[in-house]
Protein backbone atom coordinates (compact mmCIF):
# COMPACT_ATOMS: atom_id res chain seq x y z
CA MET A 1 -65.56 2.35 -29.12
CA GLU A 2 -67.59 0.87 -26.26
CA ALA A 3 -71.03 1.27 -27.79
CA ILE A 4 -72.89 2.23 -30.97
CA GLN A 5 -76.24 3.99 -30.68
CA LEU A 6 -78.84 4.49 -33.39
CA LYS A 7 -81.26 7.39 -33.82
CA SER A 8 -83.80 7.74 -36.62
CA ARG A 9 -85.87 10.54 -38.10
CA TYR A 10 -88.17 11.11 -41.06
CA ASP A 11 -87.43 13.86 -43.57
CA HIS A 12 -89.06 13.22 -46.94
CA GLN A 13 -88.28 16.66 -48.31
CA GLY A 14 -86.01 16.36 -51.33
CA LYS A 15 -85.77 12.56 -51.02
CA ALA A 16 -86.24 10.08 -53.85
CA LYS A 17 -89.16 7.68 -54.18
CA LYS A 18 -89.48 4.90 -51.55
CA TYR A 19 -87.57 6.88 -48.94
CA GLU A 20 -88.18 5.30 -45.52
CA ARG A 21 -86.17 7.34 -43.01
CA THR A 22 -82.72 8.58 -42.08
CA TYR A 23 -80.57 6.77 -39.50
CA ALA A 24 -77.63 8.19 -37.58
CA PHE A 25 -75.12 6.13 -35.60
CA TYR A 26 -73.13 7.53 -32.67
CA ASP A 27 -70.22 6.28 -30.58
CA ASP A 28 -70.36 6.09 -26.79
CA HIS A 29 -69.22 9.72 -26.54
CA GLY A 30 -72.19 10.95 -28.55
CA GLN A 31 -70.08 11.72 -31.64
CA LEU A 32 -71.59 10.91 -35.04
CA TYR A 33 -70.02 7.77 -36.50
CA THR A 34 -71.98 7.52 -39.76
CA MET A 35 -75.48 8.09 -41.16
CA CYS A 36 -77.64 6.73 -43.97
CA ASP A 37 -80.94 7.16 -45.83
CA VAL A 38 -82.96 3.96 -46.16
CA TYR A 39 -85.06 3.35 -49.28
CA GLY A 40 -87.57 0.51 -49.57
CA ALA A 41 -86.42 -1.28 -46.39
CA CYS A 42 -82.85 -1.75 -47.71
CA ILE A 43 -84.01 -3.94 -50.60
CA SER A 44 -85.09 -1.74 -53.50
CA ALA A 45 -82.00 0.48 -53.54
CA PRO A 46 -78.47 0.42 -52.14
CA THR A 47 -78.08 2.02 -48.71
CA VAL A 48 -75.23 4.55 -48.59
CA TYR A 49 -73.55 5.25 -45.25
CA SER A 50 -71.91 8.68 -45.26
CA SER A 51 -70.22 11.25 -43.05
CA ALA A 52 -72.19 13.86 -41.13
CA ASN A 53 -71.98 16.44 -43.92
CA ARG A 54 -72.64 13.76 -46.59
CA GLU A 55 -69.52 14.91 -48.44
CA SER A 56 -67.83 11.52 -48.18
CA MET A 57 -69.07 7.93 -48.37
CA ASN A 58 -68.08 5.47 -45.67
CA PHE A 59 -69.54 2.31 -47.26
CA THR A 60 -72.60 0.93 -49.05
CA MET A 61 -75.00 -1.96 -48.46
CA ALA A 62 -76.75 -3.59 -51.42
CA ALA A 63 -79.21 -6.48 -51.18
CA LYS A 64 -79.97 -9.50 -53.33
CA GLY A 65 -83.20 -11.39 -52.66
CA LYS A 66 -86.37 -10.49 -50.78
CA LEU A 67 -88.94 -11.62 -48.22
CA MET A 68 -87.53 -14.42 -46.07
CA ASN A 69 -84.17 -14.80 -47.82
CA ALA A 70 -81.63 -12.11 -48.60
CA THR A 71 -77.92 -11.39 -48.81
CA TYR A 72 -76.53 -7.94 -48.06
CA PHE A 73 -73.19 -7.01 -49.63
CA LEU A 74 -71.08 -4.36 -47.85
CA GLU A 75 -68.53 -2.48 -49.97
CA ASP A 76 -66.03 0.27 -49.23
CA PRO A 77 -65.89 3.51 -51.30
CA GLY A 78 -63.57 1.81 -53.80
CA GLY A 79 -66.09 -0.96 -54.49
CA ALA A 80 -64.23 -3.69 -52.58
CA ARG A 81 -66.46 -6.02 -50.56
CA PHE A 82 -65.40 -6.20 -46.90
CA ALA A 83 -68.33 -8.15 -45.41
CA THR A 84 -71.63 -9.87 -46.18
CA ILE A 85 -74.76 -10.25 -44.04
CA THR A 86 -77.14 -13.14 -44.73
CA ARG A 87 -80.39 -14.54 -43.34
CA LYS A 88 -82.64 -17.36 -44.46
CA GLY A 89 -86.21 -18.33 -43.67
CA ILE A 90 -88.23 -18.41 -40.46
CA GLY A 91 -86.16 -18.79 -37.31
CA PHE A 92 -83.39 -16.94 -39.15
CA ARG A 93 -79.97 -15.93 -37.90
CA TRP A 94 -78.23 -12.81 -39.09
CA LYS A 95 -74.80 -14.04 -40.13
CA ILE A 96 -71.89 -11.68 -40.71
CA LEU A 97 -69.30 -13.08 -43.11
CA GLY A 98 -65.81 -11.71 -43.66
CA GLN A 99 -63.93 -11.18 -46.90
CA ASN A 100 -63.29 -14.91 -47.27
CA ASP A 101 -67.01 -15.70 -46.72
CA GLN A 102 -66.23 -17.30 -43.36
CA GLU A 103 -68.66 -16.51 -40.54
CA ILE A 104 -67.16 -14.07 -38.05
CA ALA A 105 -70.30 -13.21 -36.02
CA ARG A 106 -74.07 -13.47 -35.89
CA ILE A 107 -76.87 -11.44 -34.36
CA ILE A 108 -79.43 -13.61 -32.58
CA ASP A 109 -82.42 -13.43 -30.27
CA PRO A 110 -81.09 -14.66 -26.88
CA ALA A 111 -84.57 -15.67 -25.66
CA SER A 112 -85.35 -19.33 -25.20
CA ARG A 113 -87.54 -21.04 -27.79
CA LYS A 114 -90.45 -21.09 -25.32
CA GLU A 115 -90.12 -17.37 -24.57
CA ALA A 116 -89.80 -16.55 -28.26
CA PHE A 117 -92.87 -18.66 -29.12
CA PHE A 118 -95.17 -16.81 -26.71
CA ARG A 119 -93.71 -13.46 -27.74
CA ASP A 120 -94.38 -14.28 -31.39
CA LEU A 121 -98.02 -15.03 -30.57
CA MET A 122 -98.29 -11.44 -29.31
CA SER A 123 -96.54 -10.12 -32.46
CA ALA A 124 -93.93 -8.47 -30.25
CA GLN A 125 -90.35 -7.63 -31.15
CA PRO A 126 -87.41 -9.03 -29.11
CA ASP A 127 -86.33 -6.89 -26.16
CA SER A 128 -82.69 -7.46 -27.01
CA TYR A 129 -80.30 -9.24 -29.36
CA ALA A 130 -76.93 -10.85 -28.73
CA VAL A 131 -73.92 -10.53 -31.03
CA MET A 132 -72.13 -13.87 -30.96
CA SER A 133 -68.82 -15.14 -32.30
CA ASN A 134 -68.70 -18.91 -31.99
CA ALA A 135 -69.85 -19.46 -28.38
CA ASP A 136 -68.73 -16.05 -27.12
CA MET A 137 -71.06 -13.09 -26.72
CA ILE A 138 -69.20 -9.98 -27.84
CA ALA A 139 -72.03 -7.43 -27.59
CA ILE A 140 -75.68 -6.96 -26.64
CA VAL A 141 -78.20 -4.88 -28.60
CA LYS A 142 -81.15 -3.27 -26.78
CA LYS A 143 -83.04 -0.01 -26.33
CA GLU A 144 -81.35 2.56 -24.07
CA ASP A 145 -81.90 6.24 -23.30
CA LEU A 146 -80.40 8.41 -26.01
CA HIS A 147 -77.16 10.22 -25.22
CA LYS A 148 -77.92 13.82 -24.28
CA ALA A 149 -75.75 14.99 -27.17
CA ILE A 150 -77.98 13.37 -29.79
CA ARG A 151 -81.47 13.86 -28.37
CA ILE A 152 -84.02 15.64 -30.53
CA LYS A 153 -85.19 18.62 -28.51
CA PRO A 154 -89.00 19.05 -28.53
CA LYS A 155 -90.21 22.50 -29.56
CA ASN A 156 -93.69 22.69 -28.00
CA VAL A 157 -94.84 22.53 -24.38
CA LEU A 158 -96.53 19.13 -24.78
CA GLY A 159 -93.43 17.70 -26.40
CA LYS A 160 -91.21 18.97 -23.58
CA LEU A 161 -93.56 17.46 -21.01
CA MET A 162 -93.63 14.08 -22.80
CA ASP A 163 -89.84 14.17 -23.06
CA LYS A 164 -89.61 14.37 -19.27
CA VAL A 165 -92.17 11.61 -18.69
CA ILE A 166 -91.07 9.25 -21.49
CA PRO A 167 -87.30 9.37 -22.13
CA GLN A 168 -86.17 9.18 -25.75
CA ARG A 169 -84.60 5.81 -26.46
CA GLY A 170 -82.49 4.35 -29.23
CA LEU A 171 -81.22 0.92 -30.26
CA THR A 172 -77.78 0.53 -28.67
CA MET A 173 -75.04 -2.03 -29.25
CA ARG A 174 -72.88 -2.25 -26.15
CA PHE A 175 -69.70 -4.33 -26.36
CA GLU A 176 -68.64 -6.80 -23.69
CA PRO A 177 -65.45 -5.57 -21.91
CA GLN A 178 -63.60 -8.83 -22.57
CA HIS A 179 -64.49 -9.21 -26.26
CA THR A 180 -61.43 -9.74 -28.44
CA VAL A 181 -62.99 -10.75 -31.77
CA ALA A 182 -62.10 -8.31 -34.54
CA VAL A 183 -65.45 -7.59 -36.21
CA ASP A 184 -65.61 -4.60 -38.53
CA HIS A 185 -67.82 -1.99 -36.86
CA ARG A 186 -69.26 -1.08 -40.26
CA ALA A 187 -70.76 -4.56 -40.54
CA LEU A 188 -72.29 -4.22 -37.06
CA VAL A 189 -73.78 -0.84 -38.01
CA ALA A 190 -75.36 -2.43 -41.10
CA GLY A 191 -76.80 -5.20 -38.94
CA MET A 192 -78.31 -2.65 -36.56
CA THR A 193 -79.94 -0.89 -39.51
CA LEU A 194 -81.64 -4.11 -40.58
CA LEU A 195 -82.89 -4.74 -37.04
CA GLU A 196 -84.34 -1.24 -36.78
CA VAL A 197 -86.21 -1.17 -40.10
CA HIS A 198 -87.73 -4.60 -39.32
CA ASP A 199 -86.95 -5.65 -42.87
CA ILE A 200 -87.22 -9.28 -41.84
CA LYS A 201 -90.14 -11.03 -40.15
CA GLY A 202 -89.18 -13.96 -37.94
CA VAL A 203 -87.27 -14.87 -34.83
CA ASN A 204 -83.51 -15.04 -34.27
CA ARG A 205 -82.72 -18.25 -32.45
CA GLN A 206 -79.32 -19.57 -31.43
């Protein structure tokens, strides 16, 4: 897998209370990797990542804590924890911990403190994030045009016109060619979900 791309949509019909939206994750060939329904910004209920037909569960993410501090526990279908994602306070760092609670990666804002300060004054979101392991960057996360295979086709004339003028884009994690760190892709997918729902307010700084 060279990249993971995220697409979201709203579909409240038949959903439980506090439903936010549905997220789908695709590999670099445009094939569905996993999908999930988010309730209450990943805090009020466990987030279940399932297959395309929702007949099988890939893994779950459950949170403990709220506001500026939280821990997200990732478990396989058998209930075994395979990773944990944590963040604390303002100027947070998303840390991905392995089974032994040792840090294996983190997702950070690569902007300098000065750039981040002025961006925060404008209440803007980072243009991109870096996935780091120790001092090595193993992937970059940013908005890219959606793969043709996963684009939502507009039905009306105005929608088709806007689609030509403004390309549909999705959050994309693209791996560095030389990266050798073994980070579970499920943990990276969970981290992308948290970035997209803007569950946390603050700035990632290295």
